[in-house]
Amino acid sequence: MAYLEAYPPVTEEKKERTLGEEPYIHPSCIIRDSSIGTWAALGPNTWLVESTFGDYSYTAGNVQIIYSEIGKYCSIANSVRINPGNHPQWRVTQHHMTYRRKHYQLGEEDDLEFFQWRRDHKCTVGHDVWIGHGAVIMPGVTIGTGAVIGSGAVVTKDIGPYEVAVGVAAKVIKKRFDDATIEKLLASAWWEWDRETLENNFDDLLNLEVFLDKHC
């Protein structure tokens, strides 16, 4: 992974692009104190703040990822928000002037303890997770490897590996595979394959029975 504080804009010749070891990052992205894996792609207007973003994962655009760990091979659709902001409901006013004090000239320092709460409640997304359009993953939530989050879902609780969750608040409606198959897929850890192994075994990923027979 490459550690990035800023990233140069994409040149014209990269608009018709193929991915590679160097991640693709649209020039409109905002990246702060984050790491991005190889073969990854960040679509237009993606925010990545104090987060890690795994190999081969991508965002479609208009995605905000704050204080989170995103695994490999994740597919994140447009307008997803992972670890959204919080407001102090316990105070007289929940307006952000109470913690962004410097901005309003109401104090010498911002409320650092309040911001630390979000860092302490990071989101964790496993490998090969598909997050649908407009979904929101609330602070502190863990989404297991292979899971699917439906469009518009608001995820307030952990979602297990290979579970499919939809709705507000999101509920698990099924698993992608039976428990024995899930156990085998997790044990295979195919997402850790190096590039050569991926290329040599790529077709196996297209057929569940073939994959289980050869790799589990």
N, C-alpha and C. Protein backbone atom coordinates (compact mmCIF):
# COMPACT_ATOMS: atom_id res chain seq x y z
N MET A 1 0.83 -1.20 0.00
CA MET A 1 0.00 0.00 0.00
C MET A 1 0.87 1.25 0.00
N ALA A 2 0.38 2.29 -0.65
CA ALA A 2 1.10 3.56 -0.66
C ALA A 2 0.44 4.52 0.32
N TYR A 3 1.24 5.18 1.15
CA TYR A 3 0.71 6.15 2.11
C TYR A 3 0.59 7.49 1.41
N LEU A 4 -0.58 8.09 1.46
CA LEU A 4 -0.84 9.30 0.69
C LEU A 4 -1.36 10.42 1.57
N GLU A 5 -0.75 11.60 1.40
CA GLU A 5 -1.32 12.81 1.98
C GLU A 5 -1.99 13.63 0.89
N ALA A 6 -1.51 13.49 -0.31
CA ALA A 6 -2.10 14.15 -1.47
C ALA A 6 -1.76 13.28 -2.68
N TYR A 7 -2.40 13.54 -3.81
CA TYR A 7 -2.16 12.73 -4.99
C TYR A 7 -2.26 13.59 -6.23
N PRO A 8 -1.36 13.40 -7.21
CA PRO A 8 -1.39 14.23 -8.40
C PRO A 8 -2.62 13.96 -9.26
N PRO A 9 -3.05 14.94 -10.07
CA PRO A 9 -4.24 14.76 -10.90
C PRO A 9 -4.02 13.71 -11.99
N VAL A 10 -5.12 13.19 -12.49
CA VAL A 10 -5.07 12.22 -13.56
C VAL A 10 -4.86 12.94 -14.89
N THR A 11 -3.96 12.43 -15.70
CA THR A 11 -3.69 13.04 -16.99
C THR A 11 -4.71 12.59 -18.02
N GLU A 12 -4.74 13.30 -19.16
CA GLU A 12 -5.73 13.00 -20.20
C GLU A 12 -5.62 11.56 -20.68
N GLU A 13 -4.37 11.07 -20.83
CA GLU A 13 -4.21 9.73 -21.37
C GLU A 13 -4.72 8.65 -20.44
N LYS A 14 -4.98 9.00 -19.17
CA LYS A 14 -5.47 7.99 -18.23
C LYS A 14 -6.99 7.89 -18.20
N LYS A 15 -7.67 8.78 -18.93
CA LYS A 15 -9.13 8.72 -18.91
C LYS A 15 -9.64 7.42 -19.51
N GLU A 16 -9.01 6.97 -20.61
CA GLU A 16 -9.27 5.63 -21.12
C GLU A 16 -8.20 4.74 -20.51
N ARG A 17 -8.49 4.15 -19.38
CA ARG A 17 -7.43 3.57 -18.58
C ARG A 17 -7.62 2.09 -18.35
N THR A 18 -6.51 1.45 -18.07
CA THR A 18 -6.53 0.14 -17.43
C THR A 18 -5.86 0.32 -16.08
N LEU A 19 -6.26 -0.50 -15.13
CA LEU A 19 -5.72 -0.36 -13.79
C LEU A 19 -4.37 -1.07 -13.69
N GLY A 20 -3.63 -0.75 -12.62
CA GLY A 20 -2.33 -1.36 -12.43
C GLY A 20 -1.88 -1.24 -10.99
N GLU A 21 -0.59 -1.44 -10.80
CA GLU A 21 -0.03 -1.38 -9.45
C GLU A 21 -0.29 -0.01 -8.81
N GLU A 22 -0.23 1.03 -9.60
CA GLU A 22 -0.52 2.37 -9.09
C GLU A 22 -2.02 2.60 -9.07
N PRO A 23 -2.60 2.92 -7.92
CA PRO A 23 -4.06 3.09 -7.86
C PRO A 23 -4.52 4.26 -8.73
N TYR A 24 -5.71 4.12 -9.28
CA TYR A 24 -6.33 5.22 -10.02
C TYR A 24 -7.12 6.09 -9.05
N ILE A 25 -6.87 7.37 -9.09
CA ILE A 25 -7.56 8.31 -8.20
C ILE A 25 -8.02 9.50 -9.03
N HIS A 26 -9.32 9.70 -9.09
CA HIS A 26 -9.86 10.82 -9.86
C HIS A 26 -9.37 12.14 -9.25
N PRO A 27 -9.08 13.13 -10.08
CA PRO A 27 -8.52 14.39 -9.55
C PRO A 27 -9.43 15.13 -8.59
N SER A 28 -10.72 14.82 -8.57
CA SER A 28 -11.63 15.50 -7.65
C SER A 28 -11.65 14.88 -6.26
N CYS A 29 -10.93 13.78 -6.07
CA CYS A 29 -10.93 13.10 -4.77
C CYS A 29 -10.23 13.93 -3.70
N ILE A 30 -10.66 13.72 -2.46
CA ILE A 30 -10.01 14.32 -1.30
C ILE A 30 -9.45 13.18 -0.46
N ILE A 31 -8.14 13.18 -0.28
CA ILE A 31 -7.48 12.09 0.45
C ILE A 31 -6.61 12.70 1.53
N ARG A 32 -6.79 12.23 2.77
CA ARG A 32 -5.97 12.71 3.87
C ARG A 32 -5.52 11.53 4.73
N ASP A 33 -4.21 11.43 4.91
CA ASP A 33 -3.64 10.47 5.86
C ASP A 33 -4.22 9.07 5.67
N SER A 34 -4.20 8.58 4.45
CA SER A 34 -4.79 7.29 4.12
C SER A 34 -3.85 6.46 3.28
N SER A 35 -4.11 5.17 3.22
CA SER A 35 -3.33 4.28 2.37
C SER A 35 -4.26 3.57 1.40
N ILE A 36 -3.76 3.37 0.17
CA ILE A 36 -4.56 2.80 -0.90
C ILE A 36 -3.77 1.67 -1.55
N GLY A 37 -4.43 0.54 -1.77
CA GLY A 37 -3.78 -0.62 -2.32
C GLY A 37 -3.59 -0.56 -3.82
N THR A 38 -2.91 -1.58 -4.34
CA THR A 38 -2.69 -1.69 -5.77
C THR A 38 -3.98 -2.09 -6.49
N TRP A 39 -4.07 -1.73 -7.75
CA TRP A 39 -5.21 -2.06 -8.59
C TRP A 39 -6.52 -1.48 -8.05
N ALA A 40 -6.43 -0.52 -7.15
CA ALA A 40 -7.61 0.12 -6.58
C ALA A 40 -8.02 1.32 -7.44
N ALA A 41 -9.25 1.77 -7.27
CA ALA A 41 -9.75 2.90 -8.04
C ALA A 41 -10.72 3.71 -7.20
N LEU A 42 -10.50 5.01 -7.15
CA LEU A 42 -11.40 5.92 -6.44
C LEU A 42 -12.07 6.81 -7.47
N GLY A 43 -13.40 6.70 -7.55
CA GLY A 43 -14.16 7.48 -8.51
C GLY A 43 -14.30 8.93 -8.11
N PRO A 44 -14.95 9.75 -8.95
CA PRO A 44 -15.05 11.18 -8.71
C PRO A 44 -15.65 11.53 -7.35
N ASN A 45 -15.07 12.57 -6.74
CA ASN A 45 -15.59 13.14 -5.49
C ASN A 45 -15.61 12.13 -4.34
N THR A 46 -14.67 11.22 -4.33
CA THR A 46 -14.51 10.32 -3.20
C THR A 46 -13.67 10.99 -2.13
N TRP A 47 -14.12 10.88 -0.89
CA TRP A 47 -13.33 11.30 0.28
C TRP A 47 -12.77 10.06 0.95
N LEU A 48 -11.49 10.12 1.27
CA LEU A 48 -10.86 9.03 2.02
C LEU A 48 -10.01 9.70 3.10
N VAL A 49 -10.48 9.61 4.33
CA VAL A 49 -9.85 10.35 5.42
C VAL A 49 -9.45 9.39 6.54
N GLU A 50 -8.18 9.37 6.88
CA GLU A 50 -7.65 8.52 7.96
C GLU A 50 -8.19 7.10 7.83
N SER A 51 -8.02 6.54 6.65
CA SER A 51 -8.59 5.22 6.35
C SER A 51 -7.61 4.39 5.53
N THR A 52 -7.85 3.09 5.48
CA THR A 52 -7.12 2.21 4.58
C THR A 52 -8.09 1.65 3.56
N PHE A 53 -7.58 1.45 2.34
CA PHE A 53 -8.42 1.03 1.22
C PHE A 53 -7.67 -0.06 0.47
N GLY A 54 -8.24 -1.27 0.44
CA GLY A 54 -7.50 -2.44 0.02
C GLY A 54 -7.32 -2.60 -1.48
N ASP A 55 -6.43 -3.54 -1.83
CA ASP A 55 -6.15 -3.87 -3.23
C ASP A 55 -7.43 -4.22 -3.98
N TYR A 56 -7.53 -3.73 -5.22
CA TYR A 56 -8.61 -4.05 -6.15
C TYR A 56 -9.97 -3.46 -5.75
N SER A 57 -10.06 -2.81 -4.62
CA SER A 57 -11.34 -2.19 -4.23
C SER A 57 -11.56 -0.93 -5.05
N TYR A 58 -12.84 -0.54 -5.18
CA TYR A 58 -13.13 0.68 -5.93
C TYR A 58 -14.37 1.38 -5.38
N THR A 59 -14.43 2.68 -5.65
CA THR A 59 -15.65 3.46 -5.40
C THR A 59 -16.16 3.99 -6.74
N ALA A 60 -17.48 4.01 -6.89
CA ALA A 60 -18.07 4.52 -8.12
C ALA A 60 -18.07 6.04 -8.18
N GLY A 61 -18.04 6.69 -7.03
CA GLY A 61 -18.03 8.15 -6.99
C GLY A 61 -18.96 8.70 -5.92
N ASN A 62 -18.68 9.93 -5.48
CA ASN A 62 -19.49 10.61 -4.46
C ASN A 62 -19.57 9.78 -3.17
N VAL A 63 -18.47 9.17 -2.83
CA VAL A 63 -18.39 8.30 -1.65
C VAL A 63 -17.55 9.00 -0.58
N GLN A 64 -17.98 8.88 0.67
CA GLN A 64 -17.22 9.43 1.80
C GLN A 64 -16.88 8.30 2.76
N ILE A 65 -15.58 8.13 2.97
CA ILE A 65 -15.07 7.09 3.87
C ILE A 65 -14.19 7.76 4.91
N ILE A 66 -14.62 7.74 6.16
CA ILE A 66 -13.91 8.43 7.23
C ILE A 66 -13.57 7.42 8.32
N TYR A 67 -12.33 7.45 8.81
CA TYR A 67 -11.93 6.60 9.95
C TYR A 67 -12.41 5.16 9.75
N SER A 68 -11.95 4.53 8.67
CA SER A 68 -12.45 3.19 8.33
C SER A 68 -11.33 2.32 7.75
N GLU A 69 -11.56 1.02 7.79
CA GLU A 69 -10.68 0.06 7.15
C GLU A 69 -11.50 -0.71 6.12
N ILE A 70 -11.11 -0.59 4.86
CA ILE A 70 -11.81 -1.23 3.76
C ILE A 70 -10.92 -2.34 3.21
N GLY A 71 -11.45 -3.55 3.12
CA GLY A 71 -10.67 -4.68 2.66
C GLY A 71 -10.42 -4.68 1.17
N LYS A 72 -9.97 -5.81 0.67
CA LYS A 72 -9.64 -5.98 -0.75
C LYS A 72 -10.88 -6.40 -1.55
N TYR A 73 -10.88 -6.04 -2.82
CA TYR A 73 -11.92 -6.45 -3.77
C TYR A 73 -13.31 -5.97 -3.37
N CYS A 74 -13.39 -4.84 -2.70
CA CYS A 74 -14.70 -4.29 -2.32
C CYS A 74 -15.26 -3.44 -3.45
N SER A 75 -16.57 -3.51 -3.63
CA SER A 75 -17.29 -2.76 -4.66
C SER A 75 -18.22 -1.78 -3.97
N ILE A 76 -17.90 -0.49 -4.05
CA ILE A 76 -18.64 0.52 -3.30
C ILE A 76 -19.34 1.44 -4.30
N ALA A 77 -20.65 1.40 -4.31
CA ALA A 77 -21.44 2.12 -5.29
C ALA A 77 -21.49 3.62 -4.99
N ASN A 78 -22.14 4.34 -5.88
CA ASN A 78 -22.22 5.78 -5.78
C ASN A 78 -22.95 6.23 -4.51
N SER A 79 -22.48 7.32 -3.94
CA SER A 79 -23.14 8.03 -2.84
C SER A 79 -23.21 7.23 -1.54
N VAL A 80 -22.27 6.33 -1.34
CA VAL A 80 -22.16 5.61 -0.08
C VAL A 80 -21.45 6.46 0.95
N ARG A 81 -21.85 6.36 2.21
CA ARG A 81 -21.18 7.05 3.32
C ARG A 81 -20.79 6.01 4.37
N ILE A 82 -19.52 5.95 4.68
CA ILE A 82 -19.02 5.02 5.68
C ILE A 82 -18.44 5.81 6.84
N ASN A 83 -19.03 5.64 8.01
CA ASN A 83 -18.71 6.36 9.24
C ASN A 83 -19.07 7.85 9.14
N PRO A 84 -20.37 8.15 9.10
CA PRO A 84 -20.81 9.54 9.01
C PRO A 84 -20.59 10.29 10.32
N GLY A 85 -20.75 11.59 10.26
CA GLY A 85 -20.53 12.44 11.43
C GLY A 85 -21.56 12.21 12.53
N ASN A 86 -21.17 12.62 13.72
CA ASN A 86 -22.04 12.51 14.89
C ASN A 86 -22.33 13.91 15.41
N HIS A 87 -23.39 14.07 16.17
CA HIS A 87 -23.69 15.35 16.81
C HIS A 87 -23.99 15.11 18.29
N PRO A 88 -23.63 16.06 19.15
CA PRO A 88 -23.79 15.86 20.60
C PRO A 88 -25.24 16.09 21.06
N GLN A 89 -26.03 15.04 20.97
CA GLN A 89 -27.44 15.15 21.32
C GLN A 89 -27.66 15.46 22.80
N TRP A 90 -26.64 15.19 23.64
CA TRP A 90 -26.75 15.36 25.08
C TRP A 90 -26.53 16.81 25.52
N ARG A 91 -26.09 17.68 24.61
CA ARG A 91 -25.86 19.08 24.96
C ARG A 91 -27.13 19.89 24.68
N VAL A 92 -27.15 21.10 25.20
CA VAL A 92 -28.30 21.97 24.97
C VAL A 92 -28.54 22.15 23.48
N THR A 93 -27.45 22.40 22.75
CA THR A 93 -27.53 22.46 21.29
C THR A 93 -26.62 21.40 20.70
N GLN A 94 -27.08 20.75 19.66
CA GLN A 94 -26.27 19.74 19.00
C GLN A 94 -25.54 20.29 17.77
N HIS A 95 -25.60 21.61 17.60
CA HIS A 95 -24.94 22.27 16.47
C HIS A 95 -23.44 22.04 16.52
N HIS A 96 -22.81 21.98 15.34
CA HIS A 96 -21.37 21.66 15.34
C HIS A 96 -20.48 22.80 15.82
N MET A 97 -21.07 23.95 16.13
CA MET A 97 -20.24 24.99 16.74
C MET A 97 -19.72 24.54 18.11
N THR A 98 -20.40 23.56 18.73
CA THR A 98 -19.97 23.12 20.05
C THR A 98 -18.69 22.30 20.00
N TYR A 99 -18.37 21.74 18.83
CA TYR A 99 -17.10 21.01 18.72
C TYR A 99 -16.16 21.60 17.67
N ARG A 100 -16.66 22.39 16.74
CA ARG A 100 -15.81 23.14 15.80
C ARG A 100 -15.70 24.59 16.29
N ARG A 101 -15.16 24.73 17.47
CA ARG A 101 -15.19 26.02 18.16
C ARG A 101 -14.33 27.07 17.48
N LYS A 102 -13.17 26.67 16.97
CA LYS A 102 -12.27 27.62 16.32
C LYS A 102 -12.93 28.24 15.09
N HIS A 103 -13.69 27.43 14.38
CA HIS A 103 -14.35 27.91 13.16
C HIS A 103 -15.29 29.08 13.45
N TYR A 104 -15.93 29.03 14.62
CA TYR A 104 -16.89 30.07 14.99
C TYR A 104 -16.30 31.10 15.96
N GLN A 105 -14.97 31.01 16.19
CA GLN A 105 -14.28 31.91 17.11
C GLN A 105 -14.90 31.87 18.50
N LEU A 106 -15.23 30.65 18.92
CA LEU A 106 -15.82 30.44 20.24
C LEU A 106 -14.87 29.69 21.18
N GLY A 107 -13.64 29.54 20.75
CA GLY A 107 -12.64 28.88 21.58
C GLY A 107 -11.32 28.81 20.85
N GLU A 108 -10.26 28.57 21.63
CA GLU A 108 -8.92 28.47 21.05
C GLU A 108 -8.69 27.11 20.40
N GLU A 109 -9.42 26.09 20.85
CA GLU A 109 -9.26 24.75 20.31
C GLU A 109 -10.62 24.11 20.05
N ASP A 110 -10.65 23.21 19.05
CA ASP A 110 -11.85 22.42 18.82
C ASP A 110 -11.98 21.35 19.90
N ASP A 111 -13.14 20.74 19.96
CA ASP A 111 -13.40 19.69 20.95
C ASP A 111 -12.76 18.39 20.46
N LEU A 112 -11.49 18.20 20.77
CA LEU A 112 -10.74 17.06 20.27
C LEU A 112 -11.30 15.74 20.78
N GLU A 113 -11.81 15.73 21.99
CA GLU A 113 -12.38 14.51 22.54
C GLU A 113 -13.57 14.03 21.73
N PHE A 114 -14.35 14.97 21.24
CA PHE A 114 -15.51 14.63 20.44
C PHE A 114 -15.09 13.98 19.12
N PHE A 115 -14.08 14.54 18.46
CA PHE A 115 -13.60 13.95 17.21
C PHE A 115 -12.96 12.60 17.45
N GLN A 116 -12.30 12.43 18.58
CA GLN A 116 -11.66 11.16 18.89
C GLN A 116 -12.69 10.05 19.02
N TRP A 117 -13.89 10.40 19.43
CA TRP A 117 -14.95 9.39 19.53
C TRP A 117 -15.15 8.70 18.20
N ARG A 118 -15.17 9.44 17.11
CA ARG A 118 -15.36 8.84 15.79
C ARG A 118 -14.18 7.97 15.41
N ARG A 119 -12.98 8.41 15.74
CA ARG A 119 -11.80 7.58 15.45
C ARG A 119 -11.86 6.27 16.23
N ASP A 120 -12.34 6.35 17.45
CA ASP A 120 -12.43 5.16 18.29
C ASP A 120 -13.54 4.21 17.86
N HIS A 121 -14.45 4.68 17.04
CA HIS A 121 -15.57 3.88 16.55
C HIS A 121 -15.47 3.73 15.03
N LYS A 122 -14.30 3.29 14.58
CA LYS A 122 -14.07 3.15 13.15
C LYS A 122 -14.97 2.05 12.57
N CYS A 123 -15.19 2.13 11.28
CA CYS A 123 -15.90 1.07 10.56
C CYS A 123 -14.88 0.11 9.95
N THR A 124 -15.25 -1.16 9.92
CA THR A 124 -14.38 -2.16 9.32
C THR A 124 -15.18 -2.94 8.28
N VAL A 125 -14.69 -2.93 7.05
CA VAL A 125 -15.35 -3.64 5.95
C VAL A 125 -14.40 -4.73 5.48
N GLY A 126 -14.88 -5.97 5.45
CA GLY A 126 -14.04 -7.09 5.06
C GLY A 126 -13.71 -7.09 3.58
N HIS A 127 -13.38 -8.26 3.05
CA HIS A 127 -12.99 -8.39 1.65
C HIS A 127 -14.19 -8.78 0.78
N ASP A 128 -14.14 -8.36 -0.47
CA ASP A 128 -15.16 -8.76 -1.45
C ASP A 128 -16.57 -8.39 -0.99
N VAL A 129 -16.69 -7.22 -0.39
CA VAL A 129 -18.00 -6.72 0.06
C VAL A 129 -18.58 -5.80 -1.02
N TRP A 130 -19.86 -5.93 -1.27
CA TRP A 130 -20.57 -5.07 -2.21
C TRP A 130 -21.51 -4.18 -1.40
N ILE A 131 -21.31 -2.87 -1.51
CA ILE A 131 -22.16 -1.90 -0.80
C ILE A 131 -22.93 -1.12 -1.86
N GLY A 132 -24.26 -1.21 -1.82
CA GLY A 132 -25.11 -0.63 -2.85
C GLY A 132 -25.26 0.88 -2.75
N HIS A 133 -25.83 1.44 -3.78
CA HIS A 133 -26.00 2.89 -3.96
C HIS A 133 -26.67 3.53 -2.75
N GLY A 134 -26.04 4.58 -2.23
CA GLY A 134 -26.65 5.39 -1.19
C GLY A 134 -26.68 4.76 0.18
N ALA A 135 -26.02 3.65 0.38
CA ALA A 135 -26.02 3.02 1.70
C ALA A 135 -25.19 3.84 2.68
N VAL A 136 -25.54 3.73 3.96
CA VAL A 136 -24.82 4.41 5.03
C VAL A 136 -24.39 3.37 6.05
N ILE A 137 -23.11 3.36 6.36
CA ILE A 137 -22.57 2.44 7.36
C ILE A 137 -22.24 3.27 8.59
N MET A 138 -22.94 3.06 9.68
CA MET A 138 -22.82 3.89 10.85
C MET A 138 -21.54 3.59 11.63
N PRO A 139 -21.10 4.54 12.47
CA PRO A 139 -19.85 4.36 13.22
C PRO A 139 -19.82 3.06 14.01
N GLY A 140 -18.64 2.43 14.01
CA GLY A 140 -18.42 1.24 14.81
C GLY A 140 -18.88 -0.06 14.20
N VAL A 141 -19.50 -0.02 13.04
CA VAL A 141 -20.05 -1.23 12.41
C VAL A 141 -18.94 -2.02 11.71
N THR A 142 -19.02 -3.34 11.79
CA THR A 142 -18.15 -4.25 11.05
C THR A 142 -18.99 -5.03 10.05
N ILE A 143 -18.54 -5.07 8.81
CA ILE A 143 -19.21 -5.83 7.76
C ILE A 143 -18.28 -6.96 7.33
N GLY A 144 -18.77 -8.18 7.41
CA GLY A 144 -17.94 -9.34 7.14
C GLY A 144 -17.63 -9.54 5.67
N THR A 145 -16.60 -10.31 5.43
CA THR A 145 -16.17 -10.64 4.07
C THR A 145 -17.31 -11.27 3.28
N GLY A 146 -17.43 -10.86 2.01
CA GLY A 146 -18.41 -11.45 1.11
C GLY A 146 -19.83 -10.96 1.29
N ALA A 147 -20.05 -10.01 2.19
CA ALA A 147 -21.41 -9.53 2.46
C ALA A 147 -21.91 -8.62 1.34
N VAL A 148 -23.22 -8.44 1.32
CA VAL A 148 -23.89 -7.52 0.40
C VAL A 148 -24.76 -6.57 1.22
N ILE A 149 -24.61 -5.26 0.96
CA ILE A 149 -25.43 -4.25 1.61
C ILE A 149 -26.30 -3.61 0.53
N GLY A 150 -27.61 -3.69 0.69
CA GLY A 150 -28.52 -3.20 -0.33
C GLY A 150 -28.51 -1.70 -0.48
N SER A 151 -28.95 -1.23 -1.63
CA SER A 151 -29.03 0.21 -1.90
C SER A 151 -29.91 0.90 -0.87
N GLY A 152 -29.46 2.04 -0.38
CA GLY A 152 -30.23 2.83 0.56
C GLY A 152 -30.28 2.30 1.97
N ALA A 153 -29.58 1.22 2.24
CA ALA A 153 -29.60 0.64 3.58
C ALA A 153 -28.87 1.55 4.56
N VAL A 154 -29.31 1.52 5.81
CA VAL A 154 -28.61 2.19 6.91
C VAL A 154 -28.19 1.10 7.88
N VAL A 155 -26.89 0.83 7.91
CA VAL A 155 -26.38 -0.31 8.68
C VAL A 155 -25.96 0.17 10.06
N THR A 156 -26.68 -0.27 11.08
CA THR A 156 -26.42 0.15 12.46
C THR A 156 -25.80 -0.95 13.30
N LYS A 157 -25.80 -2.19 12.78
CA LYS A 157 -25.26 -3.32 13.53
C LYS A 157 -24.36 -4.13 12.61
N ASP A 158 -23.48 -4.93 13.22
CA ASP A 158 -22.54 -5.74 12.45
C ASP A 158 -23.29 -6.70 11.52
N ILE A 159 -22.70 -6.91 10.35
CA ILE A 159 -23.21 -7.85 9.36
C ILE A 159 -22.16 -8.95 9.17
N GLY A 160 -22.59 -10.20 9.24
CA GLY A 160 -21.65 -11.31 9.18
C GLY A 160 -21.17 -11.61 7.77
N PRO A 161 -20.16 -12.46 7.65
CA PRO A 161 -19.63 -12.85 6.34
C PRO A 161 -20.70 -13.46 5.44
N TYR A 162 -20.74 -13.01 4.21
CA TYR A 162 -21.62 -13.53 3.16
C TYR A 162 -23.10 -13.34 3.46
N GLU A 163 -23.43 -12.45 4.40
CA GLU A 163 -24.83 -12.12 4.66
C GLU A 163 -25.28 -10.99 3.74
N VAL A 164 -26.56 -10.98 3.43
CA VAL A 164 -27.17 -9.93 2.60
C VAL A 164 -28.10 -9.13 3.50
N ALA A 165 -27.85 -7.82 3.61
CA ALA A 165 -28.63 -6.96 4.50
C ALA A 165 -29.24 -5.81 3.71
N VAL A 166 -30.51 -5.51 4.00
CA VAL A 166 -31.21 -4.43 3.31
C VAL A 166 -32.08 -3.67 4.31
N GLY A 167 -32.46 -2.45 3.93
CA GLY A 167 -33.47 -1.72 4.69
C GLY A 167 -32.92 -0.70 5.66
N VAL A 168 -33.87 -0.03 6.35
CA VAL A 168 -33.57 1.00 7.34
C VAL A 168 -34.36 0.66 8.61
N ALA A 169 -33.71 0.34 9.70
CA ALA A 169 -32.30 -0.05 9.79
C ALA A 169 -32.12 -1.41 9.11
N ALA A 170 -30.89 -1.63 8.59
CA ALA A 170 -30.64 -2.82 7.79
C ALA A 170 -30.84 -4.11 8.58
N LYS A 171 -31.46 -5.08 7.93
CA LYS A 171 -31.65 -6.41 8.50
C LYS A 171 -31.14 -7.45 7.52
N VAL A 172 -30.59 -8.52 8.06
CA VAL A 172 -30.12 -9.62 7.23
C VAL A 172 -31.32 -10.40 6.70
N ILE A 173 -31.38 -10.59 5.39
CA ILE A 173 -32.51 -11.31 4.80
C ILE A 173 -32.11 -12.71 4.32
N LYS A 174 -30.83 -12.93 4.12
CA LYS A 174 -30.37 -14.26 3.70
C LYS A 174 -28.85 -14.30 3.73
N LYS A 175 -28.31 -15.48 3.47
CA LYS A 175 -26.88 -15.65 3.24
C LYS A 175 -26.66 -16.03 1.77
N ARG A 176 -25.55 -15.62 1.24
CA ARG A 176 -25.27 -15.94 -0.16
C ARG A 176 -25.10 -17.44 -0.38
N PHE A 177 -24.53 -18.12 0.59
CA PHE A 177 -24.26 -19.55 0.48
C PHE A 177 -24.60 -20.23 1.80
N ASP A 178 -24.60 -21.56 1.80
CA ASP A 178 -24.82 -22.29 3.04
C ASP A 178 -23.58 -22.17 3.93
N ASP A 179 -23.74 -22.52 5.21
CA ASP A 179 -22.67 -22.30 6.18
C ASP A 179 -21.40 -23.07 5.83
N ALA A 180 -21.54 -24.28 5.33
CA ALA A 180 -20.36 -25.08 4.99
C ALA A 180 -19.56 -24.43 3.86
N THR A 181 -20.27 -23.90 2.87
CA THR A 181 -19.59 -23.22 1.76
C THR A 181 -18.92 -21.95 2.23
N ILE A 182 -19.60 -21.20 3.07
CA ILE A 182 -19.02 -19.96 3.61
C ILE A 182 -17.74 -20.26 4.37
N GLU A 183 -17.77 -21.31 5.17
CA GLU A 183 -16.58 -21.69 5.94
C GLU A 183 -15.41 -22.01 5.00
N LYS A 184 -15.69 -22.72 3.93
CA LYS A 184 -14.65 -23.07 2.98
C LYS A 184 -14.10 -21.84 2.26
N LEU A 185 -14.98 -20.93 1.86
CA LEU A 185 -14.54 -19.72 1.17
C LEU A 185 -13.67 -18.86 2.08
N LEU A 186 -14.08 -18.72 3.33
CA LEU A 186 -13.28 -17.93 4.26
C LEU A 186 -11.92 -18.57 4.49
N ALA A 187 -11.90 -19.90 4.58
CA ALA A 187 -10.63 -20.60 4.80
C ALA A 187 -9.71 -20.48 3.59
N SER A 188 -10.28 -20.36 2.41
CA SER A 188 -9.45 -20.27 1.20
C SER A 188 -8.65 -18.97 1.14
N ALA A 189 -9.23 -17.88 1.71
CA ALA A 189 -8.58 -16.56 1.71
C ALA A 189 -8.03 -16.21 0.33
N TRP A 190 -8.82 -16.45 -0.70
CA TRP A 190 -8.35 -16.21 -2.07
C TRP A 190 -7.95 -14.76 -2.30
N TRP A 191 -8.53 -13.85 -1.54
CA TRP A 191 -8.23 -12.42 -1.70
C TRP A 191 -6.78 -12.09 -1.33
N GLU A 192 -6.08 -13.04 -0.73
CA GLU A 192 -4.67 -12.84 -0.41
C GLU A 192 -3.75 -13.35 -1.52
N TRP A 193 -4.31 -13.91 -2.59
CA TRP A 193 -3.48 -14.37 -3.69
C TRP A 193 -2.63 -13.24 -4.23
N ASP A 194 -1.40 -13.54 -4.61
CA ASP A 194 -0.59 -12.54 -5.32
C ASP A 194 -1.07 -12.46 -6.76
N ARG A 195 -0.52 -11.53 -7.51
CA ARG A 195 -1.01 -11.28 -8.86
C ARG A 195 -0.85 -12.52 -9.76
N GLU A 196 0.28 -13.18 -9.66
CA GLU A 196 0.52 -14.35 -10.50
C GLU A 196 -0.50 -15.46 -10.21
N THR A 197 -0.77 -15.69 -8.93
CA THR A 197 -1.75 -16.71 -8.56
C THR A 197 -3.14 -16.32 -9.05
N LEU A 198 -3.49 -15.06 -8.94
CA LEU A 198 -4.78 -14.58 -9.43
C LEU A 198 -4.92 -14.83 -10.92
N GLU A 199 -3.89 -14.47 -11.68
CA GLU A 199 -3.97 -14.64 -13.12
C GLU A 199 -4.08 -16.11 -13.50
N ASN A 200 -3.34 -16.96 -12.81
CA ASN A 200 -3.33 -18.39 -13.14
C ASN A 200 -4.63 -19.09 -12.75
N ASN A 201 -5.35 -18.54 -11.80
CA ASN A 201 -6.56 -19.20 -11.29
C ASN A 201 -7.82 -18.35 -11.49
N PHE A 202 -7.73 -17.33 -12.32
CA PHE A 202 -8.84 -16.39 -12.46
C PHE A 202 -10.14 -17.07 -12.85
N ASP A 203 -10.10 -17.97 -13.81
CA ASP A 203 -11.33 -18.61 -14.28
C ASP A 203 -12.03 -19.39 -13.17
N ASP A 204 -11.27 -19.86 -12.20
CA ASP A 204 -11.88 -20.61 -11.09
C ASP A 204 -12.81 -19.74 -10.26
N LEU A 205 -12.57 -18.43 -10.25
CA LEU A 205 -13.41 -17.52 -9.47
C LEU A 205 -14.79 -17.34 -10.09
N LEU A 206 -14.95 -17.81 -11.32
CA LEU A 206 -16.21 -17.63 -12.03
C LEU A 206 -17.17 -18.80 -11.82
N ASN A 207 -16.70 -19.87 -11.17
CA ASN A 207 -17.52 -21.06 -11.00
C ASN A 207 -17.33 -21.58 -9.58
N LEU A 208 -18.37 -21.50 -8.77
CA LEU A 208 -18.27 -21.87 -7.37
C LEU A 208 -17.86 -23.33 -7.18
N GLU A 209 -18.48 -24.24 -7.93
CA GLU A 209 -18.17 -25.66 -7.76
C GLU A 209 -16.72 -25.95 -8.12
N VAL A 210 -16.25 -25.38 -9.20
CA VAL A 210 -14.86 -25.58 -9.61
C VAL A 210 -13.92 -25.01 -8.55
N PHE A 211 -14.23 -23.83 -8.05
CA PHE A 211 -13.37 -23.21 -7.04
C PHE A 211 -13.28 -24.08 -5.78
N LEU A 212 -14.43 -24.52 -5.30
CA LEU A 212 -14.45 -25.33 -4.07
C LEU A 212 -13.68 -26.63 -4.27
N ASP A 213 -13.81 -27.21 -5.45
CA ASP A 213 -13.13 -28.47 -5.73
C ASP A 213 -11.61 -28.31 -5.76
N LYS A 214 -11.15 -27.20 -6.30
CA LYS A 214 -9.70 -27.01 -6.51
C LYS A 214 -9.00 -26.34 -5.35
N HIS A 215 -9.71 -25.49 -4.62
CA HIS A 215 -9.01 -24.62 -3.66
C HIS A 215 -9.47 -24.80 -2.22
N CYS A 216 -10.42 -25.68 -1.98
CA CYS A 216 -10.94 -25.83 -0.60
C CYS A 216 -10.86 -27.29 -0.13
